[in-house]
N, C-alpha and C. Protein backbone atom coordinates (compact mmCIF):
# COMPACT_ATOMS: atom_id res chain seq x y z
N MET A 1 109.80 120.94 75.53
CA MET A 1 110.34 120.02 74.37
C MET A 1 109.83 118.56 74.56
N SER A 2 108.87 118.44 73.31
CA SER A 2 108.50 116.91 73.09
C SER A 2 109.19 115.90 72.40
N LYS A 3 109.33 114.47 73.25
CA LYS A 3 110.27 113.78 72.56
C LYS A 3 109.33 112.63 71.88
N ASN A 4 109.41 112.52 70.59
CA ASN A 4 108.66 111.24 70.02
C ASN A 4 109.23 110.05 70.79
N LYS A 5 108.20 109.01 70.63
CA LYS A 5 108.70 107.91 71.19
C LYS A 5 108.55 106.89 69.87
N ASP A 6 109.65 106.72 69.20
CA ASP A 6 109.45 106.20 67.74
C ASP A 6 110.49 104.77 67.88
N ARG A 7 110.97 104.52 69.05
CA ARG A 7 111.35 103.15 69.07
C ARG A 7 110.83 102.37 69.93
N ALA A 8 110.97 100.94 69.88
CA ALA A 8 110.24 99.94 70.51
C ALA A 8 111.01 98.86 70.83
N PHE A 9 110.79 97.99 71.72
CA PHE A 9 111.53 96.99 72.30
C PHE A 9 110.13 95.99 72.52
N THR A 10 110.44 94.86 72.05
CA THR A 10 109.61 93.84 72.41
C THR A 10 110.09 92.73 73.74
N VAL A 11 109.62 92.50 74.66
CA VAL A 11 109.79 92.13 75.58
C VAL A 11 108.63 91.01 75.95
N ARG A 12 109.11 89.95 76.45
CA ARG A 12 108.33 88.75 77.01
C ARG A 12 108.29 88.52 78.28
N PHE A 13 107.02 88.19 78.90
CA PHE A 13 107.35 88.27 80.48
C PHE A 13 106.54 86.80 80.51
N THR A 14 106.87 86.15 81.76
CA THR A 14 105.93 85.19 82.19
C THR A 14 104.64 85.41 82.79
N GLU A 15 103.58 85.09 82.80
CA GLU A 15 102.40 85.35 83.39
C GLU A 15 102.44 86.09 84.68
N GLU A 16 103.13 85.36 85.65
CA GLU A 16 103.56 85.93 86.56
C GLU A 16 104.22 87.33 86.86
N GLN A 17 105.31 87.47 85.98
CA GLN A 17 105.81 88.68 86.05
C GLN A 17 104.88 89.96 85.30
N PHE A 18 104.08 89.44 84.33
CA PHE A 18 103.10 90.37 83.73
C PHE A 18 102.01 90.96 84.72
N HIS A 19 101.70 90.11 85.61
CA HIS A 19 100.61 90.35 86.53
C HIS A 19 101.37 91.26 87.71
N HIS A 20 102.54 90.95 88.11
CA HIS A 20 103.17 91.91 89.15
C HIS A 20 103.63 93.11 88.60
N ILE A 21 103.87 93.33 87.03
CA ILE A 21 104.22 94.55 86.58
C ILE A 21 102.94 95.45 86.56
N LYS A 22 101.78 94.78 86.07
CA LYS A 22 100.56 95.06 86.09
C LYS A 22 100.08 95.81 87.20
N GLU A 23 100.12 94.96 88.34
CA GLU A 23 99.87 95.34 89.68
C GLU A 23 100.41 96.72 90.42
N GLN A 24 101.84 96.93 90.19
CA GLN A 24 102.75 97.72 90.62
C GLN A 24 102.71 99.17 89.67
N ALA A 25 102.12 98.83 88.29
CA ALA A 25 101.97 99.98 87.46
C ALA A 25 100.44 100.38 87.99
N ASP A 26 99.50 99.79 88.14
CA ASP A 26 98.23 100.32 88.80
C ASP A 26 98.52 101.13 90.03
N ARG A 27 99.29 100.61 91.17
CA ARG A 27 99.18 101.10 92.17
C ARG A 27 100.12 102.45 92.10
N ALA A 28 100.69 102.65 91.11
CA ALA A 28 101.51 103.78 90.85
C ALA A 28 100.80 104.90 90.21
N MET A 29 99.58 104.36 89.62
CA MET A 29 98.63 104.83 88.93
C MET A 29 99.41 105.44 87.52
N MET A 30 99.89 104.31 86.94
CA MET A 30 100.73 104.56 85.74
C MET A 30 100.56 103.48 84.60
N THR A 31 100.56 103.51 83.44
CA THR A 31 100.33 102.52 82.54
C THR A 31 101.42 101.69 82.62
N PRO A 32 101.52 100.27 82.24
CA PRO A 32 102.61 99.41 82.21
C PRO A 32 103.88 99.96 81.69
N SER A 33 103.73 100.46 80.43
CA SER A 33 104.78 101.34 79.67
C SER A 33 105.37 102.23 80.23
N ASN A 34 104.59 102.89 80.97
CA ASN A 34 105.35 104.18 81.57
C ASN A 34 106.13 103.82 82.84
N TYR A 35 105.48 102.69 83.45
CA TYR A 35 106.12 102.27 84.61
C TYR A 35 107.48 101.33 84.39
N ILE A 36 107.33 100.52 83.36
CA ILE A 36 108.70 99.91 83.12
C ILE A 36 109.54 100.92 82.28
N ARG A 37 109.33 101.91 81.72
CA ARG A 37 110.17 103.00 81.43
C ARG A 37 110.82 103.54 82.35
N ALA A 38 110.15 104.11 83.31
CA ALA A 38 110.81 104.96 84.68
C ALA A 38 111.62 103.90 85.41
N ALA A 39 110.95 102.70 85.46
CA ALA A 39 111.84 101.80 86.12
C ALA A 39 113.40 101.51 85.46
N ALA A 40 113.35 101.40 84.15
CA ALA A 40 114.72 101.25 83.37
C ALA A 40 115.44 102.48 83.25
N MET A 41 114.65 103.82 83.30
CA MET A 41 115.45 104.91 83.12
C MET A 41 116.42 105.10 84.46
N ARG A 42 115.66 105.10 85.81
CA ARG A 42 115.88 105.25 87.07
C ARG A 42 116.82 103.94 87.83
N GLY A 43 116.90 103.19 87.25
CA GLY A 43 117.26 101.83 87.98
C GLY A 43 116.51 101.11 88.66
N LYS A 44 115.69 101.93 89.18
CA LYS A 44 114.67 101.18 90.17
C LYS A 44 113.65 102.45 90.40
N LEU A 45 112.27 101.75 90.97
CA LEU A 45 111.29 102.51 90.76
C LEU A 45 110.54 102.16 92.46
N ASN A 46 110.45 103.20 93.16
CA ASN A 46 109.93 103.03 94.37
C ASN A 46 108.47 103.57 94.52
N VAL A 47 107.54 103.02 94.74
CA VAL A 47 106.18 103.38 94.85
C VAL A 47 105.69 103.58 96.37
N ILE A 48 105.73 104.86 96.72
CA ILE A 48 105.90 105.44 97.78
C ILE A 48 104.32 105.52 98.40
N LEU A 49 103.30 105.55 97.43
CA LEU A 49 101.98 105.53 97.86
C LEU A 49 101.27 104.42 96.96
N ASP A 50 100.05 103.87 97.59
CA ASP A 50 99.25 103.17 96.64
C ASP A 50 98.39 104.06 96.18
N GLY A 51 98.40 104.80 94.95
CA GLY A 51 97.72 105.88 94.33
C GLY A 51 95.95 105.59 94.61
N LYS A 52 95.62 104.30 94.21
CA LYS A 52 94.26 103.77 94.13
C LYS A 52 93.82 104.27 95.40
N LEU A 53 94.26 103.76 96.37
CA LEU A 53 94.03 103.54 97.97
C LEU A 53 93.68 105.24 98.30
N VAL A 54 94.80 106.14 98.13
CA VAL A 54 94.66 107.24 98.30
C VAL A 54 93.69 108.01 97.90
N ALA A 55 93.42 107.96 96.45
CA ALA A 55 92.18 108.22 95.93
C ALA A 55 90.99 107.78 96.31
N ARG A 56 90.74 106.76 96.92
CA ARG A 56 89.75 106.32 97.41
C ARG A 56 89.49 106.76 98.84
N GLU A 57 90.37 107.02 99.55
CA GLU A 57 90.53 107.70 100.71
C GLU A 57 90.11 109.34 100.92
N LEU A 58 90.73 109.85 99.80
CA LEU A 58 90.32 111.38 99.46
C LEU A 58 89.11 111.41 99.15
N ASN A 59 88.23 110.32 98.20
CA ASN A 59 87.08 110.33 97.84
C ASN A 59 86.18 110.28 99.17
N ALA A 60 86.50 109.45 99.69
CA ALA A 60 85.57 109.19 101.14
C ALA A 60 85.56 110.65 101.67
N ILE A 61 86.68 111.16 102.24
CA ILE A 61 86.64 112.46 103.08
C ILE A 61 85.86 113.69 102.29
N GLY A 62 85.82 113.29 101.03
CA GLY A 62 85.01 114.63 100.29
C GLY A 62 83.74 114.14 100.28
N ASN A 63 83.04 113.06 100.33
CA ASN A 63 81.82 112.65 100.55
C ASN A 63 81.32 113.01 101.75
N ASN A 64 82.27 112.73 102.85
CA ASN A 64 81.83 113.13 104.17
C ASN A 64 81.80 114.83 104.23
N LEU A 65 82.55 115.37 103.85
CA LEU A 65 82.35 116.72 103.92
C LEU A 65 80.90 117.24 103.39
N ASN A 66 80.67 116.58 101.91
CA ASN A 66 79.39 117.46 101.29
C ASN A 66 78.26 116.67 102.30
N GLN A 67 78.25 115.41 102.91
CA GLN A 67 77.28 115.15 103.46
C GLN A 67 77.23 116.37 104.91
N LEU A 68 78.07 116.66 105.61
CA LEU A 68 78.12 117.70 106.44
C LEU A 68 77.62 118.98 105.92
N ALA A 69 78.02 119.37 104.36
CA ALA A 69 77.68 120.91 104.15
C ALA A 69 75.95 120.49 103.75
N MET A 70 75.58 119.47 103.34
CA MET A 70 74.28 119.16 103.10
C MET A 70 73.43 119.39 104.48
N LEU A 71 73.68 118.76 105.26
CA LEU A 71 73.10 118.74 106.60
C LEU A 71 73.19 120.28 107.15
N ALA A 72 74.30 121.00 107.05
CA ALA A 72 74.38 122.41 107.42
C ALA A 72 73.28 123.44 106.55
N HIS A 73 73.10 122.92 105.34
CA HIS A 73 72.30 123.75 104.46
C HIS A 73 70.89 123.24 104.94
N MET A 74 70.57 122.23 105.40
CA MET A 74 69.46 121.77 105.71
C MET A 74 68.76 122.18 107.30
N GLY A 75 69.78 122.93 107.91
CA GLY A 75 69.41 123.40 109.16
C GLY A 75 69.54 122.30 110.29
N GLN A 76 70.14 120.95 110.03
CA GLN A 76 70.09 119.92 110.90
C GLN A 76 71.25 120.04 111.81
N ILE A 77 72.27 120.64 111.36
CA ILE A 77 73.49 120.88 112.32
C ILE A 77 74.04 122.35 112.21
N ASN A 78 74.59 122.60 113.29
CA ASN A 78 74.85 124.30 113.24
C ASN A 78 76.30 124.59 113.09
N ALA A 79 77.06 123.56 113.70
CA ALA A 79 78.38 123.92 113.78
C ALA A 79 79.30 122.54 113.82
N VAL A 80 80.50 122.70 112.95
CA VAL A 80 81.00 121.53 112.63
C VAL A 80 82.66 121.85 113.16
N TYR A 81 83.17 121.10 114.01
CA TYR A 81 84.67 121.46 114.19
C TYR A 81 85.65 120.61 113.56
N LEU A 82 86.20 121.33 112.61
CA LEU A 82 87.19 120.70 111.86
C LEU A 82 88.68 120.79 112.31
N GLU A 83 89.11 121.55 113.36
CA GLU A 83 90.30 121.89 113.51
C GLU A 83 91.51 120.50 113.76
N GLN A 84 91.04 119.48 114.41
CA GLN A 84 91.47 118.38 114.41
C GLN A 84 92.06 117.81 113.21
N ILE A 85 90.92 117.34 112.32
CA ILE A 85 90.78 117.35 110.77
C ILE A 85 91.90 118.01 110.24
N HIS A 86 91.82 119.20 110.34
CA HIS A 86 92.66 120.20 109.57
C HIS A 86 94.28 119.78 109.94
N GLU A 87 94.54 119.53 111.03
CA GLU A 87 95.77 119.44 111.54
C GLU A 87 96.35 118.15 111.18
N ASP A 88 95.32 117.14 111.17
CA ASP A 88 96.11 115.71 110.82
C ASP A 88 96.20 115.79 109.35
N MET A 89 95.09 116.60 108.40
CA MET A 89 95.51 116.81 107.16
C MET A 89 96.72 117.45 106.73
N ASN A 90 97.15 118.40 107.26
CA ASN A 90 98.54 118.95 107.20
C ASN A 90 99.51 118.05 107.47
N LYS A 91 99.64 117.56 108.58
CA LYS A 91 100.61 116.51 108.80
C LYS A 91 100.98 115.51 107.94
N LEU A 92 99.69 114.89 107.25
CA LEU A 92 99.58 113.71 106.08
C LEU A 92 100.25 114.68 105.00
N TYR A 93 99.98 116.02 104.54
CA TYR A 93 100.54 116.63 103.42
C TYR A 93 102.29 116.59 103.61
N GLU A 94 102.40 117.06 104.86
CA GLU A 94 103.69 117.23 105.04
C GLU A 94 104.49 116.07 104.85
N ARG A 95 104.18 114.90 105.44
CA ARG A 95 104.74 113.76 105.25
C ARG A 95 104.74 113.31 103.77
N PHE A 96 103.78 113.42 103.13
CA PHE A 96 103.88 113.29 101.89
C PHE A 96 104.77 113.78 101.05
N PHE A 97 104.78 115.08 100.95
CA PHE A 97 105.70 115.90 100.29
C PHE A 97 107.15 115.81 100.84
N ALA A 98 107.28 115.42 102.01
CA ALA A 98 108.77 115.22 102.29
C ALA A 98 109.10 113.56 101.55
N LEU A 99 108.19 112.59 101.56
CA LEU A 99 108.46 111.40 100.78
C LEU A 99 108.73 111.74 99.32
N ALA A 100 107.90 112.41 98.87
CA ALA A 100 107.76 112.76 97.40
C ALA A 100 109.27 113.54 97.29
N ASP A 101 109.74 114.23 98.07
CA ASP A 101 110.78 115.13 97.66
C ASP A 101 111.96 114.16 97.64
N LYS A 102 112.08 113.61 98.89
CA LYS A 102 113.27 112.58 99.08
C LYS A 102 113.31 111.46 97.97
N GLU A 103 112.04 111.06 97.23
CA GLU A 103 112.22 110.44 96.07
C GLU A 103 112.93 110.76 94.74
N VAL A 104 112.27 112.01 94.67
CA VAL A 104 113.03 112.94 93.63
C VAL A 104 114.63 113.21 93.76
N ARG A 105 115.09 113.55 94.84
CA ARG A 105 116.49 113.61 95.15
C ARG A 105 117.31 112.47 94.94
N GLN A 106 116.58 111.05 95.17
CA GLN A 106 117.33 109.91 94.79
C GLN A 106 117.72 109.73 93.41
């Protein structure tokens, strides 16, 4: 069910407040409007991860894996042992989903 947003509020902020809201919205990978709407509807909004930082880290991991794949295709490496990385990534996913689940239930 799609709900049209046909009502508007005009809200004024100080420069400091504006920049704070913009930074928080960016960290949550949300628009300022969506961030303010979510905060207002929930009473409070906790950003559990810096979305841009996580995206940058995942991009770096992807780049490293691509470099390993290219080296393997060129015959410069024969084997890559990723067991520890796999375990660490699983732990990270488990912690992330536990935090996200806790956030949803609040």
